Amino acid sequence: MSDLEKLVRRRMQEEYAKGASAEEIAKVVRDLFNSIDLSGSSPDAVAVRATPNYE
């Protein structure tokens, strides 16, 4: 499993644990993908840039 897949799964699980609806989880995942810059050289850099703070 790639780092990106792990990141998406973790964010989905966090939102589900908070009781978010399917629509809210979909929005978080969509925002996550929209924030990713795939031109970076390191997968770790993608994970850091793709972790917005939704609290």
PDB file of N, CA and C in Angstrom:
ATOM      1  N   MET A   1       0.863  -1.171   0.000  1.00  0.00           N
ATOM      2  CA  MET A   1       0.000   0.000   0.000  1.00  0.00           C
ATOM      3  C   MET A   1       0.912   1.237   0.000  1.00  0.00           C
ATOM      4  N   SER A   2       0.594   2.173  -0.846  1.00  0.00           N
ATOM      5  CA  SER A   2       1.406   3.385  -0.951  1.00  0.00           C
ATOM      6  C   SER A   2       1.147   4.325   0.226  1.00  0.00           C
ATOM      7  N   ASP A   3       2.055   5.276   0.384  1.00  0.00           N
ATOM      8  CA  ASP A   3       1.885   6.275   1.447  1.00  0.00           C
ATOM      9  C   ASP A   3       0.609   7.077   1.242  1.00  0.00           C
ATOM     10  N   LEU A   4       0.279   7.360  -0.009  1.00  0.00           N
ATOM     11  CA  LEU A   4      -0.940   8.117  -0.302  1.00  0.00           C
ATOM     12  C   LEU A   4      -2.176   7.326   0.111  1.00  0.00           C
ATOM     13  N   GLU A   5      -2.197   6.037  -0.196  1.00  0.00           N
ATOM     14  CA  GLU A   5      -3.326   5.199   0.207  1.00  0.00           C
ATOM     15  C   GLU A   5      -3.469   5.156   1.726  1.00  0.00           C
ATOM     16  N   LYS A   6      -2.336   5.039   2.406  1.00  0.00           N
ATOM     17  CA  LYS A   6      -2.359   5.015   3.871  1.00  0.00           C
ATOM     18  C   LYS A   6      -2.910   6.329   4.424  1.00  0.00           C
ATOM     19  N   LEU A   7      -2.482   7.433   3.830  1.00  0.00           N
ATOM     20  CA  LEU A   7      -2.940   8.746   4.271  1.00  0.00           C
ATOM     21  C   LEU A   7      -4.454   8.885   4.092  1.00  0.00           C
ATOM     22  N   VAL A   8      -4.943   8.489   2.927  1.00  0.00           N
ATOM     23  CA  VAL A   8      -6.379   8.603   2.649  1.00  0.00           C
ATOM     24  C   VAL A   8      -7.179   7.718   3.595  1.00  0.00           C
ATOM     25  N   ARG A   9      -6.729   6.494   3.797  1.00  0.00           N
ATOM     26  CA  ARG A   9      -7.434   5.588   4.716  1.00  0.00           C
ATOM     27  C   ARG A   9      -7.464   6.144   6.136  1.00  0.00           C
ATOM     28  N   ARG A  10      -6.319   6.687   6.586  1.00  0.00           N
ATOM     29  CA  ARG A  10      -6.252   7.244   7.935  1.00  0.00           C
ATOM     30  C   ARG A  10      -7.212   8.411   8.096  1.00  0.00           C
ATOM     31  N   ARG A  11      -7.229   9.327   7.113  1.00  0.00           N
ATOM     32  CA  ARG A  11      -8.124  10.491   7.186  1.00  0.00           C
ATOM     33  C   ARG A  11      -9.581  10.044   7.174  1.00  0.00           C
ATOM     34  N   MET A  12      -9.917   9.055   6.344  1.00  0.00           N
ATOM     35  CA  MET A  12     -11.291   8.559   6.302  1.00  0.00           C
ATOM     36  C   MET A  12     -11.681   7.941   7.640  1.00  0.00           C
ATOM     37  N   GLN A  13     -10.783   7.176   8.231  1.00  0.00           N
ATOM     38  CA  GLN A  13     -11.071   6.556   9.521  1.00  0.00           C
ATOM     39  C   GLN A  13     -11.237   7.603  10.615  1.00  0.00           C
ATOM     40  N   GLU A  14     -10.405   8.648  10.587  1.00  0.00           N
ATOM     41  CA  GLU A  14     -10.531   9.718  11.579  1.00  0.00           C
ATOM     42  C   GLU A  14     -11.884  10.405  11.476  1.00  0.00           C
ATOM     43  N   GLU A  15     -12.290  10.711  10.248  1.00  0.00           N
ATOM     44  CA  GLU A  15     -13.576  11.382  10.056  1.00  0.00           C
ATOM     45  C   GLU A  15     -14.728  10.470  10.441  1.00  0.00           C
ATOM     46  N   TYR A  16     -14.650   9.189  10.101  1.00  0.00           N
ATOM     47  CA  TYR A  16     -15.688   8.226  10.460  1.00  0.00           C
ATOM     48  C   TYR A  16     -15.799   8.124  11.983  1.00  0.00           C
ATOM     49  N   ALA A  17     -14.643   8.107  12.664  1.00  0.00           N
ATOM     50  CA  ALA A  17     -14.638   8.010  14.127  1.00  0.00           C
ATOM     51  C   ALA A  17     -15.288   9.234  14.767  1.00  0.00           C
ATOM     52  N   LYS A  18     -15.220  10.375  14.095  1.00  0.00           N
ATOM     53  CA  LYS A  18     -15.855  11.602  14.607  1.00  0.00           C
ATOM     54  C   LYS A  18     -17.350  11.613  14.336  1.00  0.00           C
ATOM     55  N   GLY A  19     -17.827  10.631  13.569  1.00  0.00           N
ATOM     56  CA  GLY A  19     -19.248  10.558  13.261  1.00  0.00           C
ATOM     57  C   GLY A  19     -19.639  11.341  12.023  1.00  0.00           C
ATOM     58  N   ALA A  20     -18.673  11.629  11.154  1.00  0.00           N
ATOM     59  CA  ALA A  20     -18.952  12.391   9.939  1.00  0.00           C
ATOM     60  C   ALA A  20     -19.825  11.567   8.995  1.00  0.00           C
ATOM     61  N   SER A  21     -20.654  12.271   8.235  1.00  0.00           N
ATOM     62  CA  SER A  21     -21.493  11.603   7.249  1.00  0.00           C
ATOM     63  C   SER A  21     -20.645  11.222   6.036  1.00  0.00           C
ATOM     64  N   ALA A  22     -21.215  10.395   5.179  1.00  0.00           N
ATOM     65  CA  ALA A  22     -20.517   9.983   3.956  1.00  0.00           C
ATOM     66  C   ALA A  22     -20.166  11.192   3.093  1.00  0.00           C
ATOM     67  N   GLU A  23     -21.057  12.177   3.051  1.00  0.00           N
ATOM     68  CA  GLU A  23     -20.804  13.380   2.258  1.00  0.00           C
ATOM     69  C   GLU A  23     -19.632  14.179   2.832  1.00  0.00           C
ATOM     70  N   GLU A  24     -19.572  14.270   4.158  1.00  0.00           N
ATOM     71  CA  GLU A  24     -18.469  14.997   4.808  1.00  0.00           C
ATOM     72  C   GLU A  24     -17.138  14.286   4.578  1.00  0.00           C
ATOM     73  N   ILE A  25     -17.145  12.961   4.657  1.00  0.00           N
ATOM     74  CA  ILE A  25     -15.924  12.192   4.406  1.00  0.00           C
ATOM     75  C   ILE A  25     -15.488  12.359   2.961  1.00  0.00           C
ATOM     76  N   ALA A  26     -16.429  12.328   2.038  1.00  0.00           N
ATOM     77  CA  ALA A  26     -16.104  12.518   0.627  1.00  0.00           C
ATOM     78  C   ALA A  26     -15.487  13.894   0.398  1.00  0.00           C
ATOM     79  N   LYS A  27     -16.002  14.911   1.087  1.00  0.00           N
ATOM     80  CA  LYS A  27     -15.443  16.258   0.951  1.00  0.00           C
ATOM     81  C   LYS A  27     -14.013  16.311   1.466  1.00  0.00           C
ATOM     82  N   VAL A  28     -13.746  15.675   2.603  1.00  0.00           N
ATOM     83  CA  VAL A  28     -12.397  15.650   3.161  1.00  0.00           C
ATOM     84  C   VAL A  28     -11.436  14.962   2.187  1.00  0.00           C
ATOM     85  N   VAL A  29     -11.849  13.833   1.638  1.00  0.00           N
ATOM     86  CA  VAL A  29     -10.997  13.106   0.693  1.00  0.00           C
ATOM     87  C   VAL A  29     -10.784  13.927  -0.575  1.00  0.00           C
ATOM     88  N   ARG A  30     -11.827  14.558  -1.072  1.00  0.00           N
ATOM     89  CA  ARG A  30     -11.707  15.409  -2.267  1.00  0.00           C
ATOM     90  C   ARG A  30     -10.747  16.568  -2.006  1.00  0.00           C
ATOM     91  N   ASP A  31     -10.890  17.217  -0.852  1.00  0.00           N
ATOM     92  CA  ASP A  31      -9.982  18.309  -0.488  1.00  0.00           C
ATOM     93  C   ASP A  31      -8.548  17.810  -0.360  1.00  0.00           C
ATOM     94  N   LEU A  32      -8.401  16.615   0.177  1.00  0.00           N
ATOM     95  CA  LEU A  32      -7.082  16.018   0.327  1.00  0.00           C
ATOM     96  C   LEU A  32      -6.423  15.829  -1.044  1.00  0.00           C
ATOM     97  N   PHE A  33      -7.142  15.242  -1.976  1.00  0.00           N
ATOM     98  CA  PHE A  33      -6.589  15.037  -3.314  1.00  0.00           C
ATOM     99  C   PHE A  33      -6.331  16.353  -4.028  1.00  0.00           C
ATOM    100  N   ASN A  34      -7.178  17.331  -3.830  1.00  0.00           N
ATOM    101  CA  ASN A  34      -6.982  18.630  -4.468  1.00  0.00           C
ATOM    102  C   ASN A  34      -5.768  19.365  -3.918  1.00  0.00           C
ATOM    103  N   SER A  35      -5.338  19.028  -2.703  1.00  0.00           N
ATOM    104  CA  SER A  35      -4.212  19.728  -2.086  1.00  0.00           C
ATOM    105  C   SER A  35      -2.862  19.079  -2.391  1.00  0.00           C
ATOM    106  N   ILE A  36      -2.883  17.931  -3.064  1.00  0.00           N
ATOM    107  CA  ILE A  36      -1.642  17.202  -3.322  1.00  0.00           C
ATOM    108  C   ILE A  36      -0.933  17.756  -4.552  1.00  0.00           C
ATOM    109  N   ASP A  37       0.363  18.004  -4.385  1.00  0.00           N
ATOM    110  CA  ASP A  37       1.219  18.428  -5.490  1.00  0.00           C
ATOM    111  C   ASP A  37       2.073  17.227  -5.877  1.00  0.00           C
ATOM    112  N   LEU A  38       1.735  16.579  -6.973  1.00  0.00           N
ATOM    113  CA  LEU A  38       2.437  15.368  -7.368  1.00  0.00           C
ATOM    114  C   LEU A  38       3.775  15.641  -8.043  1.00  0.00           C
ATOM    115  N   SER A  39       4.158  16.901  -8.175  1.00  0.00           N
ATOM    116  CA  SER A  39       5.435  17.217  -8.803  1.00  0.00           C
ATOM    117  C   SER A  39       6.592  17.131  -7.809  1.00  0.00           C
ATOM    118  N   GLY A  40       6.286  16.896  -6.532  1.00  0.00           N
ATOM    119  CA  GLY A  40       7.330  16.798  -5.511  1.00  0.00           C
ATOM    120  C   GLY A  40       8.208  15.582  -5.733  1.00  0.00           C
ATOM    121  N   SER A  41       9.394  15.609  -5.161  1.00  0.00           N
ATOM    122  CA  SER A  41      10.351  14.526  -5.380  1.00  0.00           C
ATOM    123  C   SER A  41      10.230  13.403  -4.356  1.00  0.00           C
ATOM    124  N   SER A  42       9.595  13.660  -3.237  1.00  0.00           N
ATOM    125  CA  SER A  42       9.544  12.675  -2.169  1.00  0.00           C
ATOM    126  C   SER A  42       8.099  12.348  -1.784  1.00  0.00           C
ATOM    127  N   PRO A  43       7.776  11.055  -1.656  1.00  0.00           N
ATOM    128  CA  PRO A  43       6.427  10.690  -1.204  1.00  0.00           C
ATOM    129  C   PRO A  43       6.110  11.250   0.178  1.00  0.00           C
ATOM    130  N   ASP A  44       7.122  11.390   1.033  1.00  0.00           N
ATOM    131  CA  ASP A  44       6.896  11.952   2.359  1.00  0.00           C
ATOM    132  C   ASP A  44       6.453  13.404   2.266  1.00  0.00           C
ATOM    133  N   ALA A  45       6.998  14.121   1.282  1.00  0.00           N
ATOM    134  CA  ALA A  45       6.608  15.520   1.092  1.00  0.00           C
ATOM    135  C   ALA A  45       5.140  15.612   0.713  1.00  0.00           C
ATOM    136  N   VAL A  46       4.674  14.662  -0.085  1.00  0.00           N
ATOM    137  CA  VAL A  46       3.260  14.638  -0.471  1.00  0.00           C
ATOM    138  C   VAL A  46       2.398  14.453   0.765  1.00  0.00           C
ATOM    139  N   ALA A  47       2.774  13.520   1.635  1.00  0.00           N
ATOM    140  CA  ALA A  47       1.989  13.246   2.834  1.00  0.00           C
ATOM    141  C   ALA A  47       1.915  14.455   3.753  1.00  0.00           C
ATOM    142  N   VAL A  48       3.002  15.188   3.875  1.00  0.00           N
ATOM    143  CA  VAL A  48       3.002  16.367   4.730  1.00  0.00           C
ATOM    144  C   VAL A  48       2.136  17.459   4.143  1.00  0.00           C
ATOM    145  N   ARG A  49       2.259  17.718   2.852  1.00  0.00           N
ATOM    146  CA  ARG A  49       1.463  18.780   2.213  1.00  0.00           C
ATOM    147  C   ARG A  49      -0.003  18.415   2.164  1.00  0.00           C
ATOM    148  N   ALA A  50      -0.316  17.132   2.167  1.00  0.00           N
ATOM    149  CA  ALA A  50      -1.690  16.690   1.980  1.00  0.00           C
ATOM    150  C   ALA A  50      -2.443  16.457   3.278  1.00  0.00           C
ATOM    151  N   THR A  51      -1.945  16.950   4.376  1.00  0.00           N
ATOM    152  CA  THR A  51      -2.605  16.747   5.658  1.00  0.00           C
ATOM    153  C   THR A  51      -3.135  18.075   6.182  1.00  0.00           C
ATOM    154  N   PRO A  52      -4.302  18.513   5.692  1.00  0.00           N
ATOM    155  CA  PRO A  52      -4.872  19.753   6.186  1.00  0.00           C
ATOM    156  C   PRO A  52      -5.432  19.567   7.590  1.00  0.00           C
ATOM    157  N   ASN A  53      -5.555  20.633   8.305  1.00  0.00           N
ATOM    158  CA  ASN A  53      -6.082  20.589   9.663  1.00  0.00           C
ATOM    159  C   ASN A  53      -7.572  20.939   9.609  1.00  0.00           C
ATOM    160  N   TYR A  54      -8.423  19.945   9.859  1.00  0.00           N
ATOM    161  CA  TYR A  54      -9.870  20.161   9.799  1.00  0.00           C
ATOM    162  C   TYR A  54     -10.505  20.383  11.157  1.00  0.00           C
ATOM    163  N   GLU A  55      -9.707  20.483  12.222  1.00  0.00           N
ATOM    164  CA  GLU A  55     -10.282  20.699  13.542  1.00  0.00           C
ATOM    165  C   GLU A  55     -10.789  22.101  13.692  1.00  0.00           C
TER     166      GLU A  55
END
